[in-house]
C-alpha atoms as a PDB file:
ATOM      1  CA  MET A   1       0.148  -0.477  -0.047  1.00  0.00           C
ATOM      2  CA  LYS A   2       1.274   3.424  -0.931  1.00  0.00           C
ATOM      3  CA  THR A   3       1.707   5.977   1.904  1.00  0.00           C
ATOM      4  CA  LYS A   4       0.638   9.146   2.105  1.00  0.00           C
ATOM      5  CA  ALA A   5       3.465  10.833   0.874  1.00  0.00           C
ATOM      6  CA  SER A   6       4.232   8.397  -1.937  1.00  0.00           C
ATOM      7  CA  PHE A   7       0.599   9.394  -3.280  1.00  0.00           C
ATOM      8  CA  ARG A   8       1.274  12.720  -2.874  1.00  0.00           C
ATOM      9  CA  ARG A   9       4.492  12.439  -5.109  1.00  0.00           C
ATOM     10  CA  THR A  10       2.647  10.671  -7.359  1.00  0.00           C
ATOM     11  CA  ALA A  11      -0.596  12.932  -8.049  1.00  0.00           C
ATOM     12  CA  MET A  12       1.872  15.716  -8.692  1.00  0.00           C
ATOM     13  CA  SER A  13       4.536  14.499 -10.514  1.00  0.00           C
ATOM     14  CA  ASP A  14       1.750  14.397 -13.679  1.00  0.00           C
ATOM     15  CA  SER A  15       2.431  17.929 -14.060  1.00  0.00           C
ATOM     16  CA  SER A  16       4.946  19.047 -16.522  1.00  0.00           C
ATOM     17  CA  GLY A  17       7.206  22.353 -16.419  1.00  0.00           C
ATOM     18  CA  ASP A  18       6.814  24.374 -13.887  1.00  0.00           C
ATOM     19  CA  PRO A  19       3.608  24.564 -12.254  1.00  0.00           C
ATOM     20  CA  LEU A  20       3.949  27.997 -11.028  1.00  0.00           C
ATOM     21  CA  ALA A  21       5.394  29.650 -13.910  1.00  0.00           C
ATOM     22  CA  TRP A  22       1.925  31.187 -15.280  1.00  0.00           C
ATOM     23  CA  ARG A  23       0.604  32.417 -12.141  1.00  0.00           C
ATOM     24  CA  GLY A  24       1.162  36.334 -12.633  1.00  0.00           C
ATOM     25  CA  HIS A  25       2.406  38.651 -10.398  1.00  0.00           C
ATOM     26  CA  ARG A  26       1.221  36.758  -6.882  1.00  0.00           C
ATOM     27  CA  ASP A  27       3.653  36.613  -4.788  1.00  0.00           C
ATOM     28  CA  LEU A  28       5.295  32.936  -4.233  1.00  0.00           C
ATOM     29  CA  PRO A  29       3.059  31.430  -1.498  1.00  0.00           C
ATOM     30  CA  GLU A  30       0.231  32.535  -3.194  1.00  0.00           C
ATOM     31  CA  ARG A  31       1.320  30.910  -6.093  1.00  0.00           C
ATOM     32  CA  ILE A  32       2.346  28.012  -4.212  1.00  0.00           C
ATOM     33  CA  SER A  33      -1.276  27.666  -2.577  1.00  0.00           C
ATOM     34  CA  ASP A  34      -3.190  28.634  -6.030  1.00  0.00           C
ATOM     35  CA  ASP A  35      -1.575  25.527  -7.099  1.00  0.00           C
ATOM     36  CA  LEU A  36      -2.495  23.348  -4.574  1.00  0.00           C
ATOM     37  CA  THR A  37      -5.795  24.346  -4.408  1.00  0.00           C
ATOM     38  CA  ARG A  38      -6.199  23.398  -7.987  1.00  0.00           C
ATOM     39  CA  ARG A  39      -5.036  20.006  -7.355  1.00  0.00           C
ATOM     40  CA  ILE A  40      -7.437  19.594  -4.168  1.00  0.00           C
ATOM     41  CA  MET A  41      -9.975  20.796  -6.389  1.00  0.00           C
ATOM     42  CA  ALA A  42      -9.187  17.961  -9.197  1.00  0.00           C
ATOM     43  CA  GLY A  43      -8.722  15.131  -6.763  1.00  0.00           C
ATOM     44  CA  GLU A  44      -5.174  14.843  -6.627  1.00  0.00           C
ATOM     45  CA  PHE A  45      -5.456  14.968  -2.782  1.00  0.00           C
ATOM     46  CA  ARG A  46      -7.740  13.635  -0.939  1.00  0.00           C
ATOM     47  CA  ASN A  47      -9.872  14.340   2.717  1.00  0.00           C
ATOM     48  CA  GLY A  48      -6.960  13.532   5.134  1.00  0.00           C
ATOM     49  CA  ASP A  49      -3.987  13.850   3.372  1.00  0.00           C
ATOM     50  CA  ARG A  50      -1.102  14.842   4.491  1.00  0.00           C
ATOM     51  CA  LEU A  51       0.901  18.010   3.194  1.00  0.00           C
ATOM     52  CA  VAL A  52       4.083  17.508   4.169  1.00  0.00           C
ATOM     53  CA  GLU A  53       6.509  20.567   3.676  1.00  0.00           C
ATOM     54  CA  ALA A  54       9.485  18.993   2.889  1.00  0.00           C
ATOM     55  CA  ASP A  55       7.615  17.261   0.318  1.00  0.00           C
ATOM     56  CA  LEU A  56       5.927  20.209  -1.163  1.00  0.00           C
ATOM     57  CA  ALA A  57       9.295  22.358  -0.657  1.00  0.00           C
ATOM     58  CA  GLY A  58      11.122  19.970  -2.664  1.00  0.00           C
ATOM     59  CA  PHE A  59       8.406  19.793  -5.770  1.00  0.00           C
ATOM     60  CA  TYR A  60       8.192  23.311  -5.765  1.00  0.00           C
ATOM     61  CA  ASN A  61      12.046  23.842  -5.441  1.00  0.00           C
ATOM     62  CA  VAL A  62      11.859  26.443  -2.485  1.00  0.00           C
ATOM     63  CA  SER A  63      12.136  26.430   0.993  1.00  0.00           C
ATOM     64  CA  ARG A  64      10.082  25.895   3.318  1.00  0.00           C
ATOM     65  CA  GLY A  65       9.125  29.094   4.458  1.00  0.00           C
ATOM     66  CA  PRO A  66       6.824  29.762   1.467  1.00  0.00           C
ATOM     67  CA  ILE A  67       5.086  26.239   1.718  1.00  0.00           C
ATOM     68  CA  ARG A  68       4.516  27.206   5.570  1.00  0.00           C
ATOM     69  CA  ASP A  69       2.810  30.487   4.112  1.00  0.00           C
ATOM     70  CA  ALA A  70       1.089  28.613   1.374  1.00  0.00           C
ATOM     71  CA  ILE A  71      -0.463  26.177   4.133  1.00  0.00           C
ATOM     72  CA  ARG A  72      -1.509  29.188   5.776  1.00  0.00           C
ATOM     73  CA  ILE A  73      -3.641  30.027   2.719  1.00  0.00           C
ATOM     74  CA  LEU A  74      -5.023  27.107   2.270  1.00  0.00           C
ATOM     75  CA  THR A  75      -6.219  26.759   5.986  1.00  0.00           C
ATOM     76  CA  ASN A  76      -8.018  30.272   5.347  1.00  0.00           C
ATOM     77  CA  ARG A  77      -9.842  28.856   2.384  1.00  0.00           C
ATOM     78  CA  GLY A  78     -10.920  25.635   4.496  1.00  0.00           C
ATOM     79  CA  LEU A  79      -8.883  23.409   2.097  1.00  0.00           C
ATOM     80  CA  ALA A  80      -6.701  22.225   4.923  1.00  0.00           C
ATOM     81  CA  ASP A  81      -6.675  21.654   8.901  1.00  0.00           C
ATOM     82  CA  PHE A  82      -3.348  21.979  10.894  1.00  0.00           C
ATOM     83  CA  TYR A  83      -3.012  19.710  13.873  1.00  0.00           C
ATOM     84  CA  PRO A  84       0.346  19.821  16.619  1.00  0.00           C
ATOM     85  CA  ARG A  85       2.509  16.936  16.097  1.00  0.00           C
ATOM     86  CA  ARG A  86       0.687  16.071  13.097  1.00  0.00           C
ATOM     87  CA  GLY A  87       1.189  19.120  10.287  1.00  0.00           C
ATOM     88  CA  ALA A  88      -1.421  20.026   7.772  1.00  0.00           C
ATOM     89  CA  VAL A  89      -3.993  17.653   6.627  1.00  0.00           C
ATOM     90  CA  VAL A  90      -6.222  18.419   3.264  1.00  0.00           C
ATOM     91  CA  GLY A  91      -9.654  19.376   4.585  1.00  0.00           C
ATOM     92  CA  GLY A  92     -11.134  18.442   1.498  1.00  0.00           C
ATOM     93  CA  PHE A  93     -13.245  20.144  -0.934  1.00  0.00           C
ATOM     94  CA  ASP A  94     -16.969  19.668  -2.038  1.00  0.00           C
ATOM     95  CA  THR A  95     -19.799  22.157  -3.367  1.00  0.00           C
ATOM     96  CA  GLU A  96     -21.185  22.960   0.533  1.00  0.00           C
ATOM     97  CA  THR A  97     -17.507  24.101   1.212  1.00  0.00           C
ATOM     98  CA  LEU A  98     -18.112  26.371  -2.280  1.00  0.00           C
ATOM     99  CA  ALA A  99     -21.733  27.358  -0.864  1.00  0.00           C
ATOM    100  CA  ASP A 100     -20.575  28.718   2.348  1.00  0.00           C
ATOM    101  CA  ALA A 101     -17.686  30.379   1.080  1.00  0.00           C
ATOM    102  CA  LEU A 102     -19.906  32.264  -1.574  1.00  0.00           C
ATOM    103  CA  ASN A 103     -22.487  32.845   0.904  1.00  0.00           C
ATOM    104  CA  ILE A 104     -20.169  34.523   2.981  1.00  0.00           C
ATOM    105  CA  HIS A 105     -18.720  36.695   0.303  1.00  0.00           C
ATOM    106  CA  ALA A 106     -22.302  37.548  -0.488  1.00  0.00           C
ATOM    107  CA  THR A 107     -22.965  39.248   3.103  1.00  0.00           C
ATOM    108  CA  LEU A 108     -19.621  41.088   2.879  1.00  0.00           C
ATOM    109  CA  SER A 109     -20.366  42.290  -0.755  1.00  0.00           C
ATOM    110  CA  GLY A 110     -23.851  43.043   0.164  1.00  0.00           C
ATOM    111  CA  PHE A 111     -22.319  45.098   2.893  1.00  0.00           C
ATOM    112  CA  SER A 112     -20.090  46.751   0.343  1.00  0.00           C
ATOM    113  CA  ALA A 113     -23.015  47.822  -1.573  1.00  0.00           C
ATOM    114  CA  ARG A 114     -25.173  49.255   1.439  1.00  0.00           C
ATOM    115  CA  TYR A 115     -22.172  51.161   2.264  1.00  0.00           C
ATOM    116  CA  ALA A 116     -21.723  52.406  -1.262  1.00  0.00           C
ATOM    117  CA  ALA A 117     -24.957  53.582  -1.654  1.00  0.00           C
ATOM    118  CA  LEU A 118     -24.433  55.821   1.995  1.00  0.00           C
ATOM    119  CA  MET A 119     -20.881  57.262   1.175  1.00  0.00           C
ATOM    120  CA  TRP A 120     -20.249  57.741  -2.573  1.00  0.00           C
ATOM    121  CA  THR A 121     -18.709  60.479  -3.977  1.00  0.00           C
ATOM    122  CA  PRO A 122     -19.125  61.729  -7.699  1.00  0.00           C
ATOM    123  CA  PRO A 123     -15.911  60.760  -8.583  1.00  0.00           C
ATOM    124  CA  ALA A 124     -16.322  56.927  -7.139  1.00  0.00           C
ATOM    125  CA  LEU A 125     -19.849  56.528  -8.206  1.00  0.00           C
ATOM    126  CA  ALA A 126     -18.388  58.058 -12.102  1.00  0.00           C
ATOM    127  CA  GLU A 127     -15.762  54.797 -12.213  1.00  0.00           C
ATOM    128  CA  LEU A 128     -18.199  52.261 -10.807  1.00  0.00           C
ATOM    129  CA  THR A 129     -20.666  53.710 -13.657  1.00  0.00           C
ATOM    130  CA  ARG A 130     -17.886  53.280 -16.421  1.00  0.00           C
ATOM    131  CA  ARG A 131     -17.052  50.182 -14.928  1.00  0.00           C
ATOM    132  CA  VAL A 132     -20.575  48.560 -15.009  1.00  0.00           C
ATOM    133  CA  GLU A 133     -20.416  50.225 -18.584  1.00  0.00           C
ATOM    134  CA  ALA A 134     -17.393  47.979 -20.027  1.00  0.00           C
ATOM    135  CA  LEU A 135     -19.276  45.154 -18.376  1.00  0.00           C
ATOM    136  CA  GLU A 136     -22.558  46.040 -20.516  1.00  0.00           C
ATOM    137  CA  ALA A 137     -20.294  46.263 -23.666  1.00  0.00           C
ATOM    138  CA  LEU A 138     -18.843  42.910 -23.039  1.00  0.00           C
ATOM    139  CA  ALA A 139     -22.726  41.525 -22.691  1.00  0.00           C
ATOM    140  CA  ARG A 140     -23.312  42.536 -25.805  1.00  0.00           C
ATOM    141  CA  ASP A 141     -20.328  40.642 -27.670  1.00  0.00           C
ATOM    142  CA  GLU A 142     -21.294  36.926 -27.766  1.00  0.00           C
ATOM    143  CA  THR A 143     -18.034  35.761 -28.560  1.00  0.00           C
ATOM    144  CA  CYS A 144     -16.254  37.524 -25.301  1.00  0.00           C
ATOM    145  CA  LYS A 145     -14.413  34.725 -23.491  1.00  0.00           C
ATOM    146  CA  PRO A 146     -15.723  34.109 -20.059  1.00  0.00           C
ATOM    147  CA  LEU A 147     -12.504  34.796 -18.070  1.00  0.00           C
ATOM    148  CA  ARG A 148     -12.253  38.338 -19.551  1.00  0.00           C
ATOM    149  CA  PHE A 149     -15.992  38.776 -18.567  1.00  0.00           C
ATOM    150  CA  ALA A 150     -15.319  37.706 -14.697  1.00  0.00           C
ATOM    151  CA  LEU A 151     -12.462  39.917 -13.998  1.00  0.00           C
ATOM    152  CA  THR A 152     -14.318  42.726 -15.377  1.00  0.00           C
ATOM    153  CA  SER A 153     -17.298  42.094 -13.327  1.00  0.00           C
ATOM    154  CA  GLY A 154     -14.979  41.715 -10.734  1.00  0.00           C
ATOM    155  CA  ARG A 155     -13.172  44.896 -11.026  1.00  0.00           C
ATOM    156  CA  ILE A 156     -16.953  46.469 -10.536  1.00  0.00           C
ATOM    157  CA  GLY A 157     -16.885  44.824  -7.435  1.00  0.00           C
ATOM    158  CA  THR A 158     -13.530  47.009  -5.959  1.00  0.00           C
ATOM    159  CA  ALA A 159     -14.915  50.113  -7.625  1.00  0.00           C
ATOM    160  CA  LEU A 160     -18.131  49.462  -5.765  1.00  0.00           C
ATOM    161  CA  ALA A 161     -15.655  49.189  -2.481  1.00  0.00           C
ATOM    162  CA  ARG A 162     -13.907  52.430  -3.154  1.00  0.00           C
ATOM    163  CA  CYS A 163     -17.314  53.964  -3.389  1.00  0.00           C
ATOM    164  CA  SER A 164     -17.932  52.763   0.402  1.00  0.00           C
ATOM    165  CA  ASP A 165     -15.216  55.347   1.383  1.00  0.00           C
ATOM    166  CA  SER A 166     -13.767  52.692   4.529  1.00  0.00           C
ATOM    167  CA  ALA A 167     -10.419  51.386   4.006  1.00  0.00           C
ATOM    168  CA  ILE A 168     -10.859  48.597   6.200  1.00  0.00           C
ATOM    169  CA  LEU A 169     -13.870  47.526   4.326  1.00  0.00           C
ATOM    170  CA  GLN A 170     -12.023  47.938   1.170  1.00  0.00           C
ATOM    171  CA  ARG A 171      -8.972  45.952   2.717  1.00  0.00           C
ATOM    172  CA  THR A 172     -11.485  42.899   3.803  1.00  0.00           C
ATOM    173  CA  MET A 173     -13.285  42.389   0.769  1.00  0.00           C
ATOM    174  CA  MET A 174      -9.672  42.352  -1.325  1.00  0.00           C
ATOM    175  CA  SER A 175      -8.905  39.818   1.578  1.00  0.00           C
ATOM    176  CA  ASN A 176     -11.834  38.000   1.227  1.00  0.00           C
ATOM    177  CA  ALA A 177     -12.046  38.109  -2.698  1.00  0.00           C
ATOM    178  CA  ASN A 178      -8.203  36.757  -2.984  1.00  0.00           C
ATOM    179  CA  ASP A 179      -8.913  33.953  -0.456  1.00  0.00           C
ATOM    180  CA  ILE A 180     -12.496  32.216  -1.262  1.00  0.00           C
ATOM    181  CA  ILE A 181     -12.132  29.478  -4.186  1.00  0.00           C
ATOM    182  CA  TRP A 182     -14.538  31.030  -6.079  1.00  0.00           C
ATOM    183  CA  ALA A 183     -11.609  33.142  -7.631  1.00  0.00           C
ATOM    184  CA  LEU A 184      -9.624  30.609  -8.249  1.00  0.00           C
ATOM    185  CA  LEU A 185     -12.664  28.606  -9.774  1.00  0.00           C
ATOM    186  CA  TRP A 186     -13.125  31.465 -12.323  1.00  0.00           C
ATOM    187  CA  ARG A 187      -9.577  31.393 -13.036  1.00  0.00           C
ATOM    188  CA  GLU A 188      -8.827  27.530 -13.453  1.00  0.00           C
ATOM    189  CA  PHE A 189     -12.055  26.371 -14.529  1.00  0.00           C
ATOM    190  CA  HIS A 190     -14.264  28.657 -15.988  1.00  0.00           C
ATOM    191  CA  VAL A 191     -17.281  27.735 -13.782  1.00  0.00           C
ATOM    192  CA  ASP A 192     -19.693  31.017 -14.659  1.00  0.00           C
ATOM    193  CA  PHE A 193     -20.280  33.427 -17.412  1.00  0.00           C
ATOM    194  CA  ARG A 194     -19.829  30.546 -20.225  1.00  0.00           C
ATOM    195  CA  THR A 195     -23.018  31.602 -22.277  1.00  0.00           C
ATOM    196  CA  PRO A 196     -24.083  34.831 -23.778  1.00  0.00           C
ATOM    197  CA  GLU A 197     -27.290  34.912 -21.963  1.00  0.00           C
ATOM    198  CA  ARG A 198     -25.462  34.190 -18.299  1.00  0.00           C
ATOM    199  CA  ARG A 199     -23.467  37.262 -19.211  1.00  0.00           C
ATOM    200  CA  ARG A 200     -26.348  39.389 -19.988  1.00  0.00           C
ATOM    201  CA  GLU A 201     -27.829  38.228 -16.424  1.00  0.00           C
ATOM    202  CA  ASN A 202     -25.186  39.213 -14.808  1.00  0.00           C
ATOM    203  CA  ALA A 203     -24.496  42.767 -16.414  1.00  0.00           C
ATOM    204  CA  GLU A 204     -28.160  43.301 -16.109  1.00  0.00           C
ATOM    205  CA  ILE A 205     -28.125  42.821 -12.183  1.00  0.00           C
ATOM    206  CA  TRP A 206     -24.892  45.013 -11.971  1.00  0.00           C
ATOM    207  CA  ARG A 207     -27.415  48.024 -13.618  1.00  0.00           C
ATOM    208  CA  GLU A 208     -29.714  47.150 -10.990  1.00  0.00           C
ATOM    209  CA  VAL A 209     -26.920  47.754  -8.287  1.00  0.00           C
ATOM    210  CA  LEU A 210     -25.790  50.730  -9.984  1.00  0.00           C
ATOM    211  CA  THR A 211     -29.238  52.025  -9.751  1.00  0.00           C
ATOM    212  CA  HIS A 212     -29.949  51.335  -6.295  1.00  0.00           C
ATOM    213  CA  VAL A 213     -26.190  52.641  -5.042  1.00  0.00           C
ATOM    214  CA  THR A 214     -27.286  56.398  -7.002  1.00  0.00           C
ATOM    215  CA  ALA A 215     -30.176  56.343  -5.627  1.00  0.00           C
ATOM    216  CA  ARG A 216     -28.643  56.149  -2.083  1.00  0.00           C
ATOM    217  CA  ASP A 217     -31.008  52.861  -1.284  1.00  0.00           C
ATOM    218  CA  ALA A 218     -28.851  50.870   0.642  1.00  0.00           C
ATOM    219  CA  GLU A 219     -31.221  48.106   1.358  1.00  0.00           C
ATOM    220  CA  ALA A 220     -31.938  47.556  -2.098  1.00  0.00           C
ATOM    221  CA  ALA A 221     -28.375  47.693  -2.917  1.00  0.00           C
ATOM    222  CA  ASP A 222     -27.538  45.187  -0.096  1.00  0.00           C
ATOM    223  CA  ARG A 223     -29.759  42.689  -1.449  1.00  0.00           C
ATOM    224  CA  THR A 224     -29.704  43.012  -5.058  1.00  0.00           C
ATOM    225  CA  MET A 225     -25.867  42.677  -4.562  1.00  0.00           C
ATOM    226  CA  GLN A 226     -25.802  39.504  -2.515  1.00  0.00           C
ATOM    227  CA  GLU A 227     -28.341  38.141  -5.383  1.00  0.00           C
ATOM    228  CA  LEU A 228     -25.756  38.872  -7.772  1.00  0.00           C
ATOM    229  CA  ILE A 229     -22.992  36.790  -5.641  1.00  0.00           C
ATOM    230  CA  PHE A 230     -26.182  33.905  -5.142  1.00  0.00           C
ATOM    231  CA  GLN A 231     -26.433  33.523  -9.010  1.00  0.00           C
ATOM    232  CA  CYS A 232     -22.651  33.053  -9.127  1.00  0.00           C
ATOM    233  CA  ARG A 233     -22.666  30.199  -6.698  1.00  0.00           C
ATOM    234  CA  ASP A 234     -25.368  28.387  -8.463  1.00  0.00           C
ATOM    235  CA  GLU A 235     -23.424  28.875 -11.764  1.00  0.00           C
ATOM    236  CA  ALA A 236     -20.329  27.423  -9.979  1.00  0.00           C
ATOM    237  CA  LEU A 237     -22.590  24.421  -8.197  1.00  0.00           C
ATOM    238  CA  LYS A 238     -24.025  23.376 -11.464  1.00  0.00           C
ATOM    239  CA  VAL A 239     -20.780  22.939 -13.220  1.00  0.00           C
ATOM    240  CA  LEU A 240     -19.175  21.384 -10.057  1.00  0.00           C
ATOM    241  CA  LYS A 241     -22.228  19.046  -9.413  1.00  0.00           C
ATOM    242  CA  PRO A 242     -21.642  16.179  -6.918  1.00  0.00           C
ATOM    243  CA  GLY A 243     -20.338  12.761  -8.530  1.00  0.00           C
ATOM    244  CA  GLU A 244     -21.801   9.596  -8.214  1.00  0.00           C
ATOM    245  CA  GLY A 245     -22.223   8.770  -4.984  1.00  0.00           C
ATOM    246  CA  ASP A 246     -21.364  12.736  -3.553  1.00  0.00           C
ATOM    247  CA  GLU A 247     -23.937  14.323  -1.581  1.00  0.00           C
ATOM    248  CA  GLU A 248     -25.965  16.999  -3.204  1.00  0.00           C
ATOM    249  CA  THR A 249     -25.316  20.277  -1.605  1.00  0.00           C
ATOM    250  CA  ASP A 250     -27.603  21.214   1.217  1.00  0.00           C
ATOM    251  CA  PRO A 251     -30.785  23.105  -0.209  1.00  0.00           C
ATOM    252  CA  ARG A 252     -30.807  25.607   3.348  1.00  0.00           C
ATOM    253  CA  ARG A 253     -26.929  26.692   2.114  1.00  0.00           C
ATOM    254  CA  VAL A 254     -28.501  27.374  -1.353  1.00  0.00           C
ATOM    255  CA  LEU A 255     -30.230  31.070  -0.545  1.00  0.00           C
ATOM    256  CA  HIS A 256     -31.882  33.807  -2.409  1.00  0.00           C
ATOM    257  CA  ASN A 257     -33.529  37.483  -2.397  1.00  0.00           C
ATOM    258  CA  ASP A 258     -36.445  38.357  -3.418  1.00  0.00           C
ATOM    259  CA  LEU A 259     -35.481  41.483  -5.509  1.00  0.00           C
ATOM    260  CA  SER A 260     -39.190  41.848  -6.556  1.00  0.00           C
ATOM    261  CA  ARG A 261     -40.541  44.730  -4.341  1.00  0.00           C
ATOM    262  CA  PHE A 262     -37.155  46.614  -5.197  1.00  0.00           C
ATOM    263  CA  ARG A 263     -37.932  46.451  -8.835  1.00  0.00           C
ATOM    264  CA  SER A 264     -41.387  47.010  -8.865  1.00  0.00           C
ATOM    265  CA  SER A 265     -40.674  50.206  -6.711  1.00  0.00           C
ATOM    266  CA  GLY A 266     -38.710  51.846 -10.151  1.00  0.00           C
ATOM    267  CA  SER A 267     -35.896  52.413  -7.837  1.00  0.00           C
END
C-alpha cells in the first residue's frame, strides 16, 4: 500500500514544466497555494492526505518558509487543517464548502453595496458607472471569453468597495476575494459566464446594483448585490455538481433574495 507521501508525489508528478510559471504577479506563497488548491479541487489530494512541508518544498523547489505560508492560505480557504504534532492535512473540497464561502462573500459584498449607497462621492460613482458600462459592452459581444468577463465583473466589485469610503472595508473585501476558492475557480475552471445569456444576466443585475447605489437606496443595493453573488454561486454549483455517490448540496445553503419589491418600486 502506498504511503500518503508517495501518493502525493505520484499525484504531483503528472505536471509538466514549472507549475508556478504562469501564475502572474502574485507572491510565491499565493502561487503555491493556488496550485495546491487546483490540485485539491481536481481530486489529486483527498480529505485527510498529509501536506508534508519537506515534500512540497522539494516539488516546488523552494524553502519551507513559502510552503508554510501557502498552507496557512489553504487553511484560510477551508481546504486544509493544522494539527499539533501531526502537521497539515487536506480538509477536502465539496460543493457545501463552496456554497458556504460564497454565501459569506455575498454578505460582505452586500454590506459593501450598502456602504457605497450611503457614502459614494461623484468621482467614485463615476468610476463605478464606467465599470458597469464596460461590462455591458462585453455582454453584447457574444464572442466574449468567460475569463475576460469574470475579471471585468470582479473589477466592478473593487470600484463598489471604493465607493464605500472605508479603507478597512476595502481591505476586507480584497482579502476575502483573494482567499475564497471562487476566485481560483474562475481562473482555473471557468465555472461561470460561459453563455451569452448568463453574461447578459450578470450585466443586468450589476446595472440594478448601480441604480440602487446611485439612488442611495442602501437596503435595495445590499439585497441586490447579495443576489448577484448567489447567482454566481449557483452557476459554480452546476459545474461542480457532485459525482456518483457524493451527497447533493444541502438546499438550506442555497440562499436567495426576493428582489421583486425593489424592482416594482422603480428605484
